[in-house]
């Protein structure tokens, strides 16, 4: 459960997410953008952030500079997560 999940912080994160969502979705491998709790080393941080879903996480050195997801946008941290879609 996010500890920063007050209405003001969520509204701030939502505004930044909406401002950068199209830019993120235009990057190769990005399949979704959402708001959620940032996870670091498998642990919830309690901090709301912009979750960027990709088809495959890759080391930064394998990506073009323009394809790297910034660690934050306007003070809102990002969390890149691999998303595997399974057809039912």
C-alpha atoms as a PDB file:
ATOM      1  CA  UNK A   1       0.000   0.000   0.000  1.00  0.00           C
ATOM      2  CA  UNK A   2       1.445   3.349  -1.005  1.00  0.00           C
ATOM      3  CA  UNK A   3       2.195   5.691   1.854  1.00  0.00           C
ATOM      4  CA  UNK A   4       2.189   8.730  -0.429  1.00  0.00           C
ATOM      5  CA  UNK A   5      -1.204   7.851  -1.875  1.00  0.00           C
ATOM      6  CA  UNK A   6      -2.915  11.064  -0.864  1.00  0.00           C
ATOM      7  CA  UNK A   7      -5.083  12.859  -3.402  1.00  0.00           C
ATOM      8  CA  UNK A   8      -2.608  15.686  -3.972  1.00  0.00           C
ATOM      9  CA  UNK A   9       0.335  13.449  -4.771  1.00  0.00           C
ATOM     10  CA  UNK A  10      -1.756  11.169  -7.000  1.00  0.00           C
ATOM     11  CA  UNK A  11      -3.038  14.205  -8.921  1.00  0.00           C
ATOM     12  CA  UNK A  12       0.539  15.453  -9.379  1.00  0.00           C
ATOM     13  CA  UNK A  13       1.737  12.068 -10.632  1.00  0.00           C
ATOM     14  CA  UNK A  14      -1.297  11.753 -12.932  1.00  0.00           C
ATOM     15  CA  UNK A  15      -0.614  15.162 -14.511  1.00  0.00           C
ATOM     16  CA  UNK A  16       3.011  14.242 -15.245  1.00  0.00           C
ATOM     17  CA  UNK A  17       2.009  10.791 -16.539  1.00  0.00           C
ATOM     18  CA  UNK A  18      -0.519  12.314 -18.925  1.00  0.00           C
ATOM     19  CA  UNK A  19       2.071  14.814 -20.160  1.00  0.00           C
ATOM     20  CA  UNK A  20       4.684  12.154 -21.006  1.00  0.00           C
ATOM     21  CA  UNK A  21       2.546   9.121 -21.869  1.00  0.00           C
ATOM     22  CA  UNK A  22       2.552   9.594 -25.664  1.00  0.00           C
ATOM     23  CA  UNK A  23       6.302  10.181 -25.659  1.00  0.00           C
ATOM     24  CA  UNK A  24       6.859   6.970 -23.691  1.00  0.00           C
ATOM     25  CA  UNK A  25       4.500   4.883 -25.832  1.00  0.00           C
ATOM     26  CA  UNK A  26       6.397   5.984 -28.939  1.00  0.00           C
ATOM     27  CA  UNK A  27       9.581   4.317 -27.669  1.00  0.00           C
ATOM     28  CA  UNK A  28      10.404   0.828 -28.970  1.00  0.00           C
ATOM     29  CA  UNK A  29       9.188  -1.951 -26.681  1.00  0.00           C
ATOM     30  CA  UNK A  30       6.938   0.211 -24.501  1.00  0.00           C
ATOM     31  CA  UNK A  31       3.460  -1.321 -24.327  1.00  0.00           C
ATOM     32  CA  UNK A  32       1.827   0.572 -21.469  1.00  0.00           C
ATOM     33  CA  UNK A  33       2.090   3.438 -18.993  1.00  0.00           C
ATOM     34  CA  UNK A  34       0.324   3.599 -15.626  1.00  0.00           C
ATOM     35  CA  UNK A  35       0.532   5.002 -12.109  1.00  0.00           C
ATOM     36  CA  UNK A  36       1.539   2.704  -9.299  1.00  0.00           C
ATOM     37  CA  UNK A  37       3.817   2.042  -6.405  1.00  0.00           C
ATOM     38  CA  UNK A  38       7.487   1.956  -7.311  1.00  0.00           C
ATOM     39  CA  UNK A  39       9.240  -1.346  -6.636  1.00  0.00           C
ATOM     40  CA  UNK A  40      12.986  -1.516  -6.033  1.00  0.00           C
ATOM     41  CA  UNK A  41      14.790  -4.860  -5.712  1.00  0.00           C
ATOM     42  CA  UNK A  42      11.439  -6.610  -5.344  1.00  0.00           C
ATOM     43  CA  UNK A  43      10.272  -4.400  -2.480  1.00  0.00           C
ATOM     44  CA  UNK A  44       7.464  -1.830  -2.542  1.00  0.00           C
ATOM     45  CA  UNK A  45       8.903   1.591  -1.799  1.00  0.00           C
ATOM     46  CA  UNK A  46       5.656   3.278  -0.742  1.00  0.00           C
ATOM     47  CA  UNK A  47       6.273   5.919  -3.395  1.00  0.00           C
ATOM     48  CA  UNK A  48       3.880   6.601  -6.267  1.00  0.00           C
ATOM     49  CA  UNK A  49       5.471   6.754  -9.660  1.00  0.00           C
ATOM     50  CA  UNK A  50       4.998   6.287 -13.372  1.00  0.00           C
ATOM     51  CA  UNK A  51       5.077   2.605 -14.271  1.00  0.00           C
ATOM     52  CA  UNK A  52       6.400   1.946 -17.777  1.00  0.00           C
ATOM     53  CA  UNK A  53       5.597  -1.518 -19.133  1.00  0.00           C
ATOM     54  CA  UNK A  54       7.949  -2.973 -21.739  1.00  0.00           C
ATOM     55  CA  UNK A  55       7.965  -6.212 -23.718  1.00  0.00           C
ATOM     56  CA  UNK A  56      11.518  -6.939 -22.577  1.00  0.00           C
ATOM     57  CA  UNK A  57      13.805  -5.210 -20.098  1.00  0.00           C
ATOM     58  CA  UNK A  58      17.252  -4.641 -21.557  1.00  0.00           C
ATOM     59  CA  UNK A  59      20.488  -3.287 -20.130  1.00  0.00           C
ATOM     60  CA  UNK A  60      20.868   0.431 -20.787  1.00  0.00           C
ATOM     61  CA  UNK A  61      23.993  -0.128 -22.893  1.00  0.00           C
ATOM     62  CA  UNK A  62      21.897  -2.150 -25.398  1.00  0.00           C
ATOM     63  CA  UNK A  63      19.517   0.765 -25.981  1.00  0.00           C
ATOM     64  CA  UNK A  64      19.865   3.891 -28.081  1.00  0.00           C
ATOM     65  CA  UNK A  65      20.146   6.982 -25.882  1.00  0.00           C
ATOM     66  CA  UNK A  66      16.679   8.175 -26.948  1.00  0.00           C
ATOM     67  CA  UNK A  67      15.115   4.818 -25.993  1.00  0.00           C
ATOM     68  CA  UNK A  68      16.294   4.811 -22.361  1.00  0.00           C
ATOM     69  CA  UNK A  69      13.466   5.535 -19.900  1.00  0.00           C
ATOM     70  CA  UNK A  70      14.520   8.428 -17.622  1.00  0.00           C
ATOM     71  CA  UNK A  71      14.644   7.639 -13.899  1.00  0.00           C
ATOM     72  CA  UNK A  72      12.185  10.485 -13.353  1.00  0.00           C
ATOM     73  CA  UNK A  73      10.053  13.087 -15.075  1.00  0.00           C
ATOM     74  CA  UNK A  74       9.481  16.418 -13.299  1.00  0.00           C
ATOM     75  CA  UNK A  75      10.300  14.913  -9.924  1.00  0.00           C
ATOM     76  CA  UNK A  76       8.138  11.797 -10.422  1.00  0.00           C
ATOM     77  CA  UNK A  77      10.167   8.582 -10.458  1.00  0.00           C
ATOM     78  CA  UNK A  78       9.667   5.904 -13.082  1.00  0.00           C
ATOM     79  CA  UNK A  79       9.614   2.146 -12.685  1.00  0.00           C
ATOM     80  CA  UNK A  80      10.232  -0.014 -15.771  1.00  0.00           C
ATOM     81  CA  UNK A  81       8.526  -3.406 -15.615  1.00  0.00           C
ATOM     82  CA  UNK A  82       8.488  -6.249 -18.072  1.00  0.00           C
ATOM     83  CA  UNK A  83       4.978  -7.238 -19.125  1.00  0.00           C
ATOM     84  CA  UNK A  84       4.315 -10.654 -20.559  1.00  0.00           C
ATOM     85  CA  UNK A  85       0.989 -11.002 -22.324  1.00  0.00           C
ATOM     86  CA  UNK A  86      -0.470 -14.482 -22.409  1.00  0.00           C
ATOM     87  CA  UNK A  87      -3.328 -15.096 -24.798  1.00  0.00           C
ATOM     88  CA  UNK A  88      -6.129 -17.159 -23.305  1.00  0.00           C
END
